[in-house]
Amino acid sequence: LVDIQRLRELEGEQATASSRIIGAR
């Protein structure tokens, strides 16, 4: 098991006019 709880870079969310990126966390 690889625990990604500490990886804050995966908590982000970004929206543009044509897309949305939602982090895994």
PDBML (XML) file of the C-alpha atoms, coordinates in Angstrom:
<?xml version="1.0" encoding="UTF-8" ?>
<PDBx:datablock datablockName="MODEL"
   xmlns:PDBx="http://pdbml.pdb.org/schema/pdbx-v50.xsd"
   xmlns:xsi="http://www.w3.org/2001/XMLSchema-instance"
   xsi:schemaLocation="http://pdbml.pdb.org/schema/pdbx-v50.xsd pdbx-v50.xsd">
   <PDBx:atom_siteCategory>
      <PDBx:atom_site id="1">
         <PDBx:B_iso_or_equiv>0.00</PDBx:B_iso_or_equiv>
         <PDBx:Cartn_x>0.000</PDBx:Cartn_x>
         <PDBx:Cartn_y>0.000</PDBx:Cartn_y>
         <PDBx:Cartn_z>0.000</PDBx:Cartn_z>
         <PDBx:auth_asym_id>A</PDBx:auth_asym_id>
         <PDBx:auth_atom_id>CA</PDBx:auth_atom_id>
         <PDBx:auth_comp_id>LEU</PDBx:auth_comp_id>
         <PDBx:auth_seq_id>1</PDBx:auth_seq_id>
         <PDBx:group_PDB>ATOM</PDBx:group_PDB>
         <PDBx:label_alt_id xsi:nil="true" />
         <PDBx:label_asym_id>A</PDBx:label_asym_id>
         <PDBx:label_atom_id>CA</PDBx:label_atom_id>
         <PDBx:label_comp_id>LEU</PDBx:label_comp_id>
         <PDBx:label_entity_id>1</PDBx:label_entity_id>
         <PDBx:label_seq_id>1</PDBx:label_seq_id>
         <PDBx:occupancy>1.00</PDBx:occupancy>
         <PDBx:pdbx_PDB_model_num>1</PDBx:pdbx_PDB_model_num>
         <PDBx:type_symbol>C</PDBx:type_symbol>
      </PDBx:atom_site>
      <PDBx:atom_site id="2">
         <PDBx:B_iso_or_equiv>0.00</PDBx:B_iso_or_equiv>
         <PDBx:Cartn_x>1.406</PDBx:Cartn_x>
         <PDBx:Cartn_y>3.353</PDBx:Cartn_y>
         <PDBx:Cartn_z>-1.052</PDBx:Cartn_z>
         <PDBx:auth_asym_id>A</PDBx:auth_asym_id>
         <PDBx:auth_atom_id>CA</PDBx:auth_atom_id>
         <PDBx:auth_comp_id>VAL</PDBx:auth_comp_id>
         <PDBx:auth_seq_id>2</PDBx:auth_seq_id>
         <PDBx:group_PDB>ATOM</PDBx:group_PDB>
         <PDBx:label_alt_id xsi:nil="true" />
         <PDBx:label_asym_id>A</PDBx:label_asym_id>
         <PDBx:label_atom_id>CA</PDBx:label_atom_id>
         <PDBx:label_comp_id>VAL</PDBx:label_comp_id>
         <PDBx:label_entity_id>1</PDBx:label_entity_id>
         <PDBx:label_seq_id>2</PDBx:label_seq_id>
         <PDBx:occupancy>1.00</PDBx:occupancy>
         <PDBx:pdbx_PDB_model_num>1</PDBx:pdbx_PDB_model_num>
         <PDBx:type_symbol>C</PDBx:type_symbol>
      </PDBx:atom_site>
      <PDBx:atom_site id="3">
         <PDBx:B_iso_or_equiv>0.00</PDBx:B_iso_or_equiv>
         <PDBx:Cartn_x>-0.220</PDBx:Cartn_x>
         <PDBx:Cartn_y>5.990</PDBx:Cartn_y>
         <PDBx:Cartn_z>1.164</PDBx:Cartn_z>
         <PDBx:auth_asym_id>A</PDBx:auth_asym_id>
         <PDBx:auth_atom_id>CA</PDBx:auth_atom_id>
         <PDBx:auth_comp_id>ASP</PDBx:auth_comp_id>
         <PDBx:auth_seq_id>3</PDBx:auth_seq_id>
         <PDBx:group_PDB>ATOM</PDBx:group_PDB>
         <PDBx:label_alt_id xsi:nil="true" />
         <PDBx:label_asym_id>A</PDBx:label_asym_id>
         <PDBx:label_atom_id>CA</PDBx:label_atom_id>
         <PDBx:label_comp_id>ASP</PDBx:label_comp_id>
         <PDBx:label_entity_id>1</PDBx:label_entity_id>
         <PDBx:label_seq_id>3</PDBx:label_seq_id>
         <PDBx:occupancy>1.00</PDBx:occupancy>
         <PDBx:pdbx_PDB_model_num>1</PDBx:pdbx_PDB_model_num>
         <PDBx:type_symbol>C</PDBx:type_symbol>
      </PDBx:atom_site>
      <PDBx:atom_site id="4">
         <PDBx:B_iso_or_equiv>0.00</PDBx:B_iso_or_equiv>
         <PDBx:Cartn_x>-0.506</PDBx:Cartn_x>
         <PDBx:Cartn_y>9.343</PDBx:Cartn_y>
         <PDBx:Cartn_z>-0.620</PDBx:Cartn_z>
         <PDBx:auth_asym_id>A</PDBx:auth_asym_id>
         <PDBx:auth_atom_id>CA</PDBx:auth_atom_id>
         <PDBx:auth_comp_id>ILE</PDBx:auth_comp_id>
         <PDBx:auth_seq_id>4</PDBx:auth_seq_id>
         <PDBx:group_PDB>ATOM</PDBx:group_PDB>
         <PDBx:label_alt_id xsi:nil="true" />
         <PDBx:label_asym_id>A</PDBx:label_asym_id>
         <PDBx:label_atom_id>CA</PDBx:label_atom_id>
         <PDBx:label_comp_id>ILE</PDBx:label_comp_id>
         <PDBx:label_entity_id>1</PDBx:label_entity_id>
         <PDBx:label_seq_id>4</PDBx:label_seq_id>
         <PDBx:occupancy>1.00</PDBx:occupancy>
         <PDBx:pdbx_PDB_model_num>1</PDBx:pdbx_PDB_model_num>
         <PDBx:type_symbol>C</PDBx:type_symbol>
      </PDBx:atom_site>
      <PDBx:atom_site id="5">
         <PDBx:B_iso_or_equiv>0.00</PDBx:B_iso_or_equiv>
         <PDBx:Cartn_x>-2.010</PDBx:Cartn_x>
         <PDBx:Cartn_y>11.213</PDBx:Cartn_y>
         <PDBx:Cartn_z>2.361</PDBx:Cartn_z>
         <PDBx:auth_asym_id>A</PDBx:auth_asym_id>
         <PDBx:auth_atom_id>CA</PDBx:auth_atom_id>
         <PDBx:auth_comp_id>GLN</PDBx:auth_comp_id>
         <PDBx:auth_seq_id>5</PDBx:auth_seq_id>
         <PDBx:group_PDB>ATOM</PDBx:group_PDB>
         <PDBx:label_alt_id xsi:nil="true" />
         <PDBx:label_asym_id>A</PDBx:label_asym_id>
         <PDBx:label_atom_id>CA</PDBx:label_atom_id>
         <PDBx:label_comp_id>GLN</PDBx:label_comp_id>
         <PDBx:label_entity_id>1</PDBx:label_entity_id>
         <PDBx:label_seq_id>5</PDBx:label_seq_id>
         <PDBx:occupancy>1.00</PDBx:occupancy>
         <PDBx:pdbx_PDB_model_num>1</PDBx:pdbx_PDB_model_num>
         <PDBx:type_symbol>C</PDBx:type_symbol>
      </PDBx:atom_site>
      <PDBx:atom_site id="6">
         <PDBx:B_iso_or_equiv>0.00</PDBx:B_iso_or_equiv>
         <PDBx:Cartn_x>1.031</PDBx:Cartn_x>
         <PDBx:Cartn_y>13.472</PDBx:Cartn_y>
         <PDBx:Cartn_z>2.705</PDBx:Cartn_z>
         <PDBx:auth_asym_id>A</PDBx:auth_asym_id>
         <PDBx:auth_atom_id>CA</PDBx:auth_atom_id>
         <PDBx:auth_comp_id>ARG</PDBx:auth_comp_id>
         <PDBx:auth_seq_id>6</PDBx:auth_seq_id>
         <PDBx:group_PDB>ATOM</PDBx:group_PDB>
         <PDBx:label_alt_id xsi:nil="true" />
         <PDBx:label_asym_id>A</PDBx:label_asym_id>
         <PDBx:label_atom_id>CA</PDBx:label_atom_id>
         <PDBx:label_comp_id>ARG</PDBx:label_comp_id>
         <PDBx:label_entity_id>1</PDBx:label_entity_id>
         <PDBx:label_seq_id>6</PDBx:label_seq_id>
         <PDBx:occupancy>1.00</PDBx:occupancy>
         <PDBx:pdbx_PDB_model_num>1</PDBx:pdbx_PDB_model_num>
         <PDBx:type_symbol>C</PDBx:type_symbol>
      </PDBx:atom_site>
      <PDBx:atom_site id="7">
         <PDBx:B_iso_or_equiv>0.00</PDBx:B_iso_or_equiv>
         <PDBx:Cartn_x>1.172</PDBx:Cartn_x>
         <PDBx:Cartn_y>14.459</PDBx:Cartn_y>
         <PDBx:Cartn_z>-0.973</PDBx:Cartn_z>
         <PDBx:auth_asym_id>A</PDBx:auth_asym_id>
         <PDBx:auth_atom_id>CA</PDBx:auth_atom_id>
         <PDBx:auth_comp_id>LEU</PDBx:auth_comp_id>
         <PDBx:auth_seq_id>7</PDBx:auth_seq_id>
         <PDBx:group_PDB>ATOM</PDBx:group_PDB>
         <PDBx:label_alt_id xsi:nil="true" />
         <PDBx:label_asym_id>A</PDBx:label_asym_id>
         <PDBx:label_atom_id>CA</PDBx:label_atom_id>
         <PDBx:label_comp_id>LEU</PDBx:label_comp_id>
         <PDBx:label_entity_id>1</PDBx:label_entity_id>
         <PDBx:label_seq_id>7</PDBx:label_seq_id>
         <PDBx:occupancy>1.00</PDBx:occupancy>
         <PDBx:pdbx_PDB_model_num>1</PDBx:pdbx_PDB_model_num>
         <PDBx:type_symbol>C</PDBx:type_symbol>
      </PDBx:atom_site>
      <PDBx:atom_site id="8">
         <PDBx:B_iso_or_equiv>0.00</PDBx:B_iso_or_equiv>
         <PDBx:Cartn_x>-0.481</PDBx:Cartn_x>
         <PDBx:Cartn_y>17.879</PDBx:Cartn_y>
         <PDBx:Cartn_z>-0.852</PDBx:Cartn_z>
         <PDBx:auth_asym_id>A</PDBx:auth_asym_id>
         <PDBx:auth_atom_id>CA</PDBx:auth_atom_id>
         <PDBx:auth_comp_id>ARG</PDBx:auth_comp_id>
         <PDBx:auth_seq_id>8</PDBx:auth_seq_id>
         <PDBx:group_PDB>ATOM</PDBx:group_PDB>
         <PDBx:label_alt_id xsi:nil="true" />
         <PDBx:label_asym_id>A</PDBx:label_asym_id>
         <PDBx:label_atom_id>CA</PDBx:label_atom_id>
         <PDBx:label_comp_id>ARG</PDBx:label_comp_id>
         <PDBx:label_entity_id>1</PDBx:label_entity_id>
         <PDBx:label_seq_id>8</PDBx:label_seq_id>
         <PDBx:occupancy>1.00</PDBx:occupancy>
         <PDBx:pdbx_PDB_model_num>1</PDBx:pdbx_PDB_model_num>
         <PDBx:type_symbol>C</PDBx:type_symbol>
      </PDBx:atom_site>
      <PDBx:atom_site id="9">
         <PDBx:B_iso_or_equiv>0.00</PDBx:B_iso_or_equiv>
         <PDBx:Cartn_x>0.141</PDBx:Cartn_x>
         <PDBx:Cartn_y>18.474</PDBx:Cartn_y>
         <PDBx:Cartn_z>-4.566</PDBx:Cartn_z>
         <PDBx:auth_asym_id>A</PDBx:auth_asym_id>
         <PDBx:auth_atom_id>CA</PDBx:auth_atom_id>
         <PDBx:auth_comp_id>GLU</PDBx:auth_comp_id>
         <PDBx:auth_seq_id>9</PDBx:auth_seq_id>
         <PDBx:group_PDB>ATOM</PDBx:group_PDB>
         <PDBx:label_alt_id xsi:nil="true" />
         <PDBx:label_asym_id>A</PDBx:label_asym_id>
         <PDBx:label_atom_id>CA</PDBx:label_atom_id>
         <PDBx:label_comp_id>GLU</PDBx:label_comp_id>
         <PDBx:label_entity_id>1</PDBx:label_entity_id>
         <PDBx:label_seq_id>9</PDBx:label_seq_id>
         <PDBx:occupancy>1.00</PDBx:occupancy>
         <PDBx:pdbx_PDB_model_num>1</PDBx:pdbx_PDB_model_num>
         <PDBx:type_symbol>C</PDBx:type_symbol>
      </PDBx:atom_site>
      <PDBx:atom_site id="10">
         <PDBx:B_iso_or_equiv>0.00</PDBx:B_iso_or_equiv>
         <PDBx:Cartn_x>-2.641</PDBx:Cartn_x>
         <PDBx:Cartn_y>15.927</PDBx:Cartn_y>
         <PDBx:Cartn_z>-5.265</PDBx:Cartn_z>
         <PDBx:auth_asym_id>A</PDBx:auth_asym_id>
         <PDBx:auth_atom_id>CA</PDBx:auth_atom_id>
         <PDBx:auth_comp_id>LEU</PDBx:auth_comp_id>
         <PDBx:auth_seq_id>10</PDBx:auth_seq_id>
         <PDBx:group_PDB>ATOM</PDBx:group_PDB>
         <PDBx:label_alt_id xsi:nil="true" />
         <PDBx:label_asym_id>A</PDBx:label_asym_id>
         <PDBx:label_atom_id>CA</PDBx:label_atom_id>
         <PDBx:label_comp_id>LEU</PDBx:label_comp_id>
         <PDBx:label_entity_id>1</PDBx:label_entity_id>
         <PDBx:label_seq_id>10</PDBx:label_seq_id>
         <PDBx:occupancy>1.00</PDBx:occupancy>
         <PDBx:pdbx_PDB_model_num>1</PDBx:pdbx_PDB_model_num>
         <PDBx:type_symbol>C</PDBx:type_symbol>
      </PDBx:atom_site>
      <PDBx:atom_site id="11">
         <PDBx:B_iso_or_equiv>0.00</PDBx:B_iso_or_equiv>
         <PDBx:Cartn_x>-5.255</PDBx:Cartn_x>
         <PDBx:Cartn_y>18.012</PDBx:Cartn_y>
         <PDBx:Cartn_z>-3.411</PDBx:Cartn_z>
         <PDBx:auth_asym_id>A</PDBx:auth_asym_id>
         <PDBx:auth_atom_id>CA</PDBx:auth_atom_id>
         <PDBx:auth_comp_id>GLU</PDBx:auth_comp_id>
         <PDBx:auth_seq_id>11</PDBx:auth_seq_id>
         <PDBx:group_PDB>ATOM</PDBx:group_PDB>
         <PDBx:label_alt_id xsi:nil="true" />
         <PDBx:label_asym_id>A</PDBx:label_asym_id>
         <PDBx:label_atom_id>CA</PDBx:label_atom_id>
         <PDBx:label_comp_id>GLU</PDBx:label_comp_id>
         <PDBx:label_entity_id>1</PDBx:label_entity_id>
         <PDBx:label_seq_id>11</PDBx:label_seq_id>
         <PDBx:occupancy>1.00</PDBx:occupancy>
         <PDBx:pdbx_PDB_model_num>1</PDBx:pdbx_PDB_model_num>
         <PDBx:type_symbol>C</PDBx:type_symbol>
      </PDBx:atom_site>
      <PDBx:atom_site id="12">
         <PDBx:B_iso_or_equiv>0.00</PDBx:B_iso_or_equiv>
         <PDBx:Cartn_x>-5.497</PDBx:Cartn_x>
         <PDBx:Cartn_y>20.741</PDBx:Cartn_y>
         <PDBx:Cartn_z>-6.007</PDBx:Cartn_z>
         <PDBx:auth_asym_id>A</PDBx:auth_asym_id>
         <PDBx:auth_atom_id>CA</PDBx:auth_atom_id>
         <PDBx:auth_comp_id>GLY</PDBx:auth_comp_id>
         <PDBx:auth_seq_id>12</PDBx:auth_seq_id>
         <PDBx:group_PDB>ATOM</PDBx:group_PDB>
         <PDBx:label_alt_id xsi:nil="true" />
         <PDBx:label_asym_id>A</PDBx:label_asym_id>
         <PDBx:label_atom_id>CA</PDBx:label_atom_id>
         <PDBx:label_comp_id>GLY</PDBx:label_comp_id>
         <PDBx:label_entity_id>1</PDBx:label_entity_id>
         <PDBx:label_seq_id>12</PDBx:label_seq_id>
         <PDBx:occupancy>1.00</PDBx:occupancy>
         <PDBx:pdbx_PDB_model_num>1</PDBx:pdbx_PDB_model_num>
         <PDBx:type_symbol>C</PDBx:type_symbol>
      </PDBx:atom_site>
      <PDBx:atom_site id="13">
         <PDBx:B_iso_or_equiv>0.00</PDBx:B_iso_or_equiv>
         <PDBx:Cartn_x>-8.253</PDBx:Cartn_x>
         <PDBx:Cartn_y>21.638</PDBx:Cartn_y>
         <PDBx:Cartn_z>-8.393</PDBx:Cartn_z>
         <PDBx:auth_asym_id>A</PDBx:auth_asym_id>
         <PDBx:auth_atom_id>CA</PDBx:auth_atom_id>
         <PDBx:auth_comp_id>GLU</PDBx:auth_comp_id>
         <PDBx:auth_seq_id>13</PDBx:auth_seq_id>
         <PDBx:group_PDB>ATOM</PDBx:group_PDB>
         <PDBx:label_alt_id xsi:nil="true" />
         <PDBx:label_asym_id>A</PDBx:label_asym_id>
         <PDBx:label_atom_id>CA</PDBx:label_atom_id>
         <PDBx:label_comp_id>GLU</PDBx:label_comp_id>
         <PDBx:label_entity_id>1</PDBx:label_entity_id>
         <PDBx:label_seq_id>13</PDBx:label_seq_id>
         <PDBx:occupancy>1.00</PDBx:occupancy>
         <PDBx:pdbx_PDB_model_num>1</PDBx:pdbx_PDB_model_num>
         <PDBx:type_symbol>C</PDBx:type_symbol>
      </PDBx:atom_site>
      <PDBx:atom_site id="14">
         <PDBx:B_iso_or_equiv>0.00</PDBx:B_iso_or_equiv>
         <PDBx:Cartn_x>-8.028</PDBx:Cartn_x>
         <PDBx:Cartn_y>23.845</PDBx:Cartn_y>
         <PDBx:Cartn_z>-11.462</PDBx:Cartn_z>
         <PDBx:auth_asym_id>A</PDBx:auth_asym_id>
         <PDBx:auth_atom_id>CA</PDBx:auth_atom_id>
         <PDBx:auth_comp_id>GLN</PDBx:auth_comp_id>
         <PDBx:auth_seq_id>14</PDBx:auth_seq_id>
         <PDBx:group_PDB>ATOM</PDBx:group_PDB>
         <PDBx:label_alt_id xsi:nil="true" />
         <PDBx:label_asym_id>A</PDBx:label_asym_id>
         <PDBx:label_atom_id>CA</PDBx:label_atom_id>
         <PDBx:label_comp_id>GLN</PDBx:label_comp_id>
         <PDBx:label_entity_id>1</PDBx:label_entity_id>
         <PDBx:label_seq_id>14</PDBx:label_seq_id>
         <PDBx:occupancy>1.00</PDBx:occupancy>
         <PDBx:pdbx_PDB_model_num>1</PDBx:pdbx_PDB_model_num>
         <PDBx:type_symbol>C</PDBx:type_symbol>
      </PDBx:atom_site>
      <PDBx:atom_site id="15">
         <PDBx:B_iso_or_equiv>0.00</PDBx:B_iso_or_equiv>
         <PDBx:Cartn_x>-10.713</PDBx:Cartn_x>
         <PDBx:Cartn_y>24.968</PDBx:Cartn_y>
         <PDBx:Cartn_z>-13.866</PDBx:Cartn_z>
         <PDBx:auth_asym_id>A</PDBx:auth_asym_id>
         <PDBx:auth_atom_id>CA</PDBx:auth_atom_id>
         <PDBx:auth_comp_id>ALA</PDBx:auth_comp_id>
         <PDBx:auth_seq_id>15</PDBx:auth_seq_id>
         <PDBx:group_PDB>ATOM</PDBx:group_PDB>
         <PDBx:label_alt_id xsi:nil="true" />
         <PDBx:label_asym_id>A</PDBx:label_asym_id>
         <PDBx:label_atom_id>CA</PDBx:label_atom_id>
         <PDBx:label_comp_id>ALA</PDBx:label_comp_id>
         <PDBx:label_entity_id>1</PDBx:label_entity_id>
         <PDBx:label_seq_id>15</PDBx:label_seq_id>
         <PDBx:occupancy>1.00</PDBx:occupancy>
         <PDBx:pdbx_PDB_model_num>1</PDBx:pdbx_PDB_model_num>
         <PDBx:type_symbol>C</PDBx:type_symbol>
      </PDBx:atom_site>
      <PDBx:atom_site id="16">
         <PDBx:B_iso_or_equiv>0.00</PDBx:B_iso_or_equiv>
         <PDBx:Cartn_x>-10.330</PDBx:Cartn_x>
         <PDBx:Cartn_y>26.613</PDBx:Cartn_y>
         <PDBx:Cartn_z>-17.248</PDBx:Cartn_z>
         <PDBx:auth_asym_id>A</PDBx:auth_asym_id>
         <PDBx:auth_atom_id>CA</PDBx:auth_atom_id>
         <PDBx:auth_comp_id>THR</PDBx:auth_comp_id>
         <PDBx:auth_seq_id>16</PDBx:auth_seq_id>
         <PDBx:group_PDB>ATOM</PDBx:group_PDB>
         <PDBx:label_alt_id xsi:nil="true" />
         <PDBx:label_asym_id>A</PDBx:label_asym_id>
         <PDBx:label_atom_id>CA</PDBx:label_atom_id>
         <PDBx:label_comp_id>THR</PDBx:label_comp_id>
         <PDBx:label_entity_id>1</PDBx:label_entity_id>
         <PDBx:label_seq_id>16</PDBx:label_seq_id>
         <PDBx:occupancy>1.00</PDBx:occupancy>
         <PDBx:pdbx_PDB_model_num>1</PDBx:pdbx_PDB_model_num>
         <PDBx:type_symbol>C</PDBx:type_symbol>
      </PDBx:atom_site>
      <PDBx:atom_site id="17">
         <PDBx:B_iso_or_equiv>0.00</PDBx:B_iso_or_equiv>
         <PDBx:Cartn_x>-12.873</PDBx:Cartn_x>
         <PDBx:Cartn_y>27.470</PDBx:Cartn_y>
         <PDBx:Cartn_z>-19.898</PDBx:Cartn_z>
         <PDBx:auth_asym_id>A</PDBx:auth_asym_id>
         <PDBx:auth_atom_id>CA</PDBx:auth_atom_id>
         <PDBx:auth_comp_id>ALA</PDBx:auth_comp_id>
         <PDBx:auth_seq_id>17</PDBx:auth_seq_id>
         <PDBx:group_PDB>ATOM</PDBx:group_PDB>
         <PDBx:label_alt_id xsi:nil="true" />
         <PDBx:label_asym_id>A</PDBx:label_asym_id>
         <PDBx:label_atom_id>CA</PDBx:label_atom_id>
         <PDBx:label_comp_id>ALA</PDBx:label_comp_id>
         <PDBx:label_entity_id>1</PDBx:label_entity_id>
         <PDBx:label_seq_id>17</PDBx:label_seq_id>
         <PDBx:occupancy>1.00</PDBx:occupancy>
         <PDBx:pdbx_PDB_model_num>1</PDBx:pdbx_PDB_model_num>
         <PDBx:type_symbol>C</PDBx:type_symbol>
      </PDBx:atom_site>
      <PDBx:atom_site id="18">
         <PDBx:B_iso_or_equiv>0.00</PDBx:B_iso_or_equiv>
         <PDBx:Cartn_x>-12.450</PDBx:Cartn_x>
         <PDBx:Cartn_y>24.045</PDBx:Cartn_y>
         <PDBx:Cartn_z>-21.495</PDBx:Cartn_z>
         <PDBx:auth_asym_id>A</PDBx:auth_asym_id>
         <PDBx:auth_atom_id>CA</PDBx:auth_atom_id>
         <PDBx:auth_comp_id>SER</PDBx:auth_comp_id>
         <PDBx:auth_seq_id>18</PDBx:auth_seq_id>
         <PDBx:group_PDB>ATOM</PDBx:group_PDB>
         <PDBx:label_alt_id xsi:nil="true" />
         <PDBx:label_asym_id>A</PDBx:label_asym_id>
         <PDBx:label_atom_id>CA</PDBx:label_atom_id>
         <PDBx:label_comp_id>SER</PDBx:label_comp_id>
         <PDBx:label_entity_id>1</PDBx:label_entity_id>
         <PDBx:label_seq_id>18</PDBx:label_seq_id>
         <PDBx:occupancy>1.00</PDBx:occupancy>
         <PDBx:pdbx_PDB_model_num>1</PDBx:pdbx_PDB_model_num>
         <PDBx:type_symbol>C</PDBx:type_symbol>
      </PDBx:atom_site>
      <PDBx:atom_site id="19">
         <PDBx:B_iso_or_equiv>0.00</PDBx:B_iso_or_equiv>
         <PDBx:Cartn_x>-11.271</PDBx:Cartn_x>
         <PDBx:Cartn_y>21.673</PDBx:Cartn_y>
         <PDBx:Cartn_z>-18.760</PDBx:Cartn_z>
         <PDBx:auth_asym_id>A</PDBx:auth_asym_id>
         <PDBx:auth_atom_id>CA</PDBx:auth_atom_id>
         <PDBx:auth_comp_id>SER</PDBx:auth_comp_id>
         <PDBx:auth_seq_id>19</PDBx:auth_seq_id>
         <PDBx:group_PDB>ATOM</PDBx:group_PDB>
         <PDBx:label_alt_id xsi:nil="true" />
         <PDBx:label_asym_id>A</PDBx:label_asym_id>
         <PDBx:label_atom_id>CA</PDBx:label_atom_id>
         <PDBx:label_comp_id>SER</PDBx:label_comp_id>
         <PDBx:label_entity_id>1</PDBx:label_entity_id>
         <PDBx:label_seq_id>19</PDBx:label_seq_id>
         <PDBx:occupancy>1.00</PDBx:occupancy>
         <PDBx:pdbx_PDB_model_num>1</PDBx:pdbx_PDB_model_num>
         <PDBx:type_symbol>C</PDBx:type_symbol>
      </PDBx:atom_site>
      <PDBx:atom_site id="20">
         <PDBx:B_iso_or_equiv>0.00</PDBx:B_iso_or_equiv>
         <PDBx:Cartn_x>-11.162</PDBx:Cartn_x>
         <PDBx:Cartn_y>20.822</PDBx:Cartn_y>
         <PDBx:Cartn_z>-15.085</PDBx:Cartn_z>
         <PDBx:auth_asym_id>A</PDBx:auth_asym_id>
         <PDBx:auth_atom_id>CA</PDBx:auth_atom_id>
         <PDBx:auth_comp_id>ARG</PDBx:auth_comp_id>
         <PDBx:auth_seq_id>20</PDBx:auth_seq_id>
         <PDBx:group_PDB>ATOM</PDBx:group_PDB>
         <PDBx:label_alt_id xsi:nil="true" />
         <PDBx:label_asym_id>A</PDBx:label_asym_id>
         <PDBx:label_atom_id>CA</PDBx:label_atom_id>
         <PDBx:label_comp_id>ARG</PDBx:label_comp_id>
         <PDBx:label_entity_id>1</PDBx:label_entity_id>
         <PDBx:label_seq_id>20</PDBx:label_seq_id>
         <PDBx:occupancy>1.00</PDBx:occupancy>
         <PDBx:pdbx_PDB_model_num>1</PDBx:pdbx_PDB_model_num>
         <PDBx:type_symbol>C</PDBx:type_symbol>
      </PDBx:atom_site>
      <PDBx:atom_site id="21">
         <PDBx:B_iso_or_equiv>0.00</PDBx:B_iso_or_equiv>
         <PDBx:Cartn_x>-8.335</PDBx:Cartn_x>
         <PDBx:Cartn_y>19.078</PDBx:Cartn_y>
         <PDBx:Cartn_z>-13.270</PDBx:Cartn_z>
         <PDBx:auth_asym_id>A</PDBx:auth_asym_id>
         <PDBx:auth_atom_id>CA</PDBx:auth_atom_id>
         <PDBx:auth_comp_id>ILE</PDBx:auth_comp_id>
         <PDBx:auth_seq_id>21</PDBx:auth_seq_id>
         <PDBx:group_PDB>ATOM</PDBx:group_PDB>
         <PDBx:label_alt_id xsi:nil="true" />
         <PDBx:label_asym_id>A</PDBx:label_asym_id>
         <PDBx:label_atom_id>CA</PDBx:label_atom_id>
         <PDBx:label_comp_id>ILE</PDBx:label_comp_id>
         <PDBx:label_entity_id>1</PDBx:label_entity_id>
         <PDBx:label_seq_id>21</PDBx:label_seq_id>
         <PDBx:occupancy>1.00</PDBx:occupancy>
         <PDBx:pdbx_PDB_model_num>1</PDBx:pdbx_PDB_model_num>
         <PDBx:type_symbol>C</PDBx:type_symbol>
      </PDBx:atom_site>
      <PDBx:atom_site id="22">
         <PDBx:B_iso_or_equiv>0.00</PDBx:B_iso_or_equiv>
         <PDBx:Cartn_x>-9.281</PDBx:Cartn_x>
         <PDBx:Cartn_y>17.450</PDBx:Cartn_y>
         <PDBx:Cartn_z>-9.963</PDBx:Cartn_z>
         <PDBx:auth_asym_id>A</PDBx:auth_asym_id>
         <PDBx:auth_atom_id>CA</PDBx:auth_atom_id>
         <PDBx:auth_comp_id>ILE</PDBx:auth_comp_id>
         <PDBx:auth_seq_id>22</PDBx:auth_seq_id>
         <PDBx:group_PDB>ATOM</PDBx:group_PDB>
         <PDBx:label_alt_id xsi:nil="true" />
         <PDBx:label_asym_id>A</PDBx:label_asym_id>
         <PDBx:label_atom_id>CA</PDBx:label_atom_id>
         <PDBx:label_comp_id>ILE</PDBx:label_comp_id>
         <PDBx:label_entity_id>1</PDBx:label_entity_id>
         <PDBx:label_seq_id>22</PDBx:label_seq_id>
         <PDBx:occupancy>1.00</PDBx:occupancy>
         <PDBx:pdbx_PDB_model_num>1</PDBx:pdbx_PDB_model_num>
         <PDBx:type_symbol>C</PDBx:type_symbol>
      </PDBx:atom_site>
      <PDBx:atom_site id="23">
         <PDBx:B_iso_or_equiv>0.00</PDBx:B_iso_or_equiv>
         <PDBx:Cartn_x>-6.466</PDBx:Cartn_x>
         <PDBx:Cartn_y>16.061</PDBx:Cartn_y>
         <PDBx:Cartn_z>-7.834</PDBx:Cartn_z>
         <PDBx:auth_asym_id>A</PDBx:auth_asym_id>
         <PDBx:auth_atom_id>CA</PDBx:auth_atom_id>
         <PDBx:auth_comp_id>GLY</PDBx:auth_comp_id>
         <PDBx:auth_seq_id>23</PDBx:auth_seq_id>
         <PDBx:group_PDB>ATOM</PDBx:group_PDB>
         <PDBx:label_alt_id xsi:nil="true" />
         <PDBx:label_asym_id>A</PDBx:label_asym_id>
         <PDBx:label_atom_id>CA</PDBx:label_atom_id>
         <PDBx:label_comp_id>GLY</PDBx:label_comp_id>
         <PDBx:label_entity_id>1</PDBx:label_entity_id>
         <PDBx:label_seq_id>23</PDBx:label_seq_id>
         <PDBx:occupancy>1.00</PDBx:occupancy>
         <PDBx:pdbx_PDB_model_num>1</PDBx:pdbx_PDB_model_num>
         <PDBx:type_symbol>C</PDBx:type_symbol>
      </PDBx:atom_site>
      <PDBx:atom_site id="24">
         <PDBx:B_iso_or_equiv>0.00</PDBx:B_iso_or_equiv>
         <PDBx:Cartn_x>-6.656</PDBx:Cartn_x>
         <PDBx:Cartn_y>12.451</PDBx:Cartn_y>
         <PDBx:Cartn_z>-6.712</PDBx:Cartn_z>
         <PDBx:auth_asym_id>A</PDBx:auth_asym_id>
         <PDBx:auth_atom_id>CA</PDBx:auth_atom_id>
         <PDBx:auth_comp_id>ALA</PDBx:auth_comp_id>
         <PDBx:auth_seq_id>24</PDBx:auth_seq_id>
         <PDBx:group_PDB>ATOM</PDBx:group_PDB>
         <PDBx:label_alt_id xsi:nil="true" />
         <PDBx:label_asym_id>A</PDBx:label_asym_id>
         <PDBx:label_atom_id>CA</PDBx:label_atom_id>
         <PDBx:label_comp_id>ALA</PDBx:label_comp_id>
         <PDBx:label_entity_id>1</PDBx:label_entity_id>
         <PDBx:label_seq_id>24</PDBx:label_seq_id>
         <PDBx:occupancy>1.00</PDBx:occupancy>
         <PDBx:pdbx_PDB_model_num>1</PDBx:pdbx_PDB_model_num>
         <PDBx:type_symbol>C</PDBx:type_symbol>
      </PDBx:atom_site>
      <PDBx:atom_site id="25">
         <PDBx:B_iso_or_equiv>0.00</PDBx:B_iso_or_equiv>
         <PDBx:Cartn_x>-6.798</PDBx:Cartn_x>
         <PDBx:Cartn_y>13.485</PDBx:Cartn_y>
         <PDBx:Cartn_z>-3.025</PDBx:Cartn_z>
         <PDBx:auth_asym_id>A</PDBx:auth_asym_id>
         <PDBx:auth_atom_id>CA</PDBx:auth_atom_id>
         <PDBx:auth_comp_id>ARG</PDBx:auth_comp_id>
         <PDBx:auth_seq_id>25</PDBx:auth_seq_id>
         <PDBx:group_PDB>ATOM</PDBx:group_PDB>
         <PDBx:label_alt_id xsi:nil="true" />
         <PDBx:label_asym_id>A</PDBx:label_asym_id>
         <PDBx:label_atom_id>CA</PDBx:label_atom_id>
         <PDBx:label_comp_id>ARG</PDBx:label_comp_id>
         <PDBx:label_entity_id>1</PDBx:label_entity_id>
         <PDBx:label_seq_id>25</PDBx:label_seq_id>
         <PDBx:occupancy>1.00</PDBx:occupancy>
         <PDBx:pdbx_PDB_model_num>1</PDBx:pdbx_PDB_model_num>
         <PDBx:type_symbol>C</PDBx:type_symbol>
      </PDBx:atom_site>
   </PDBx:atom_siteCategory>
</PDBx:datablock>
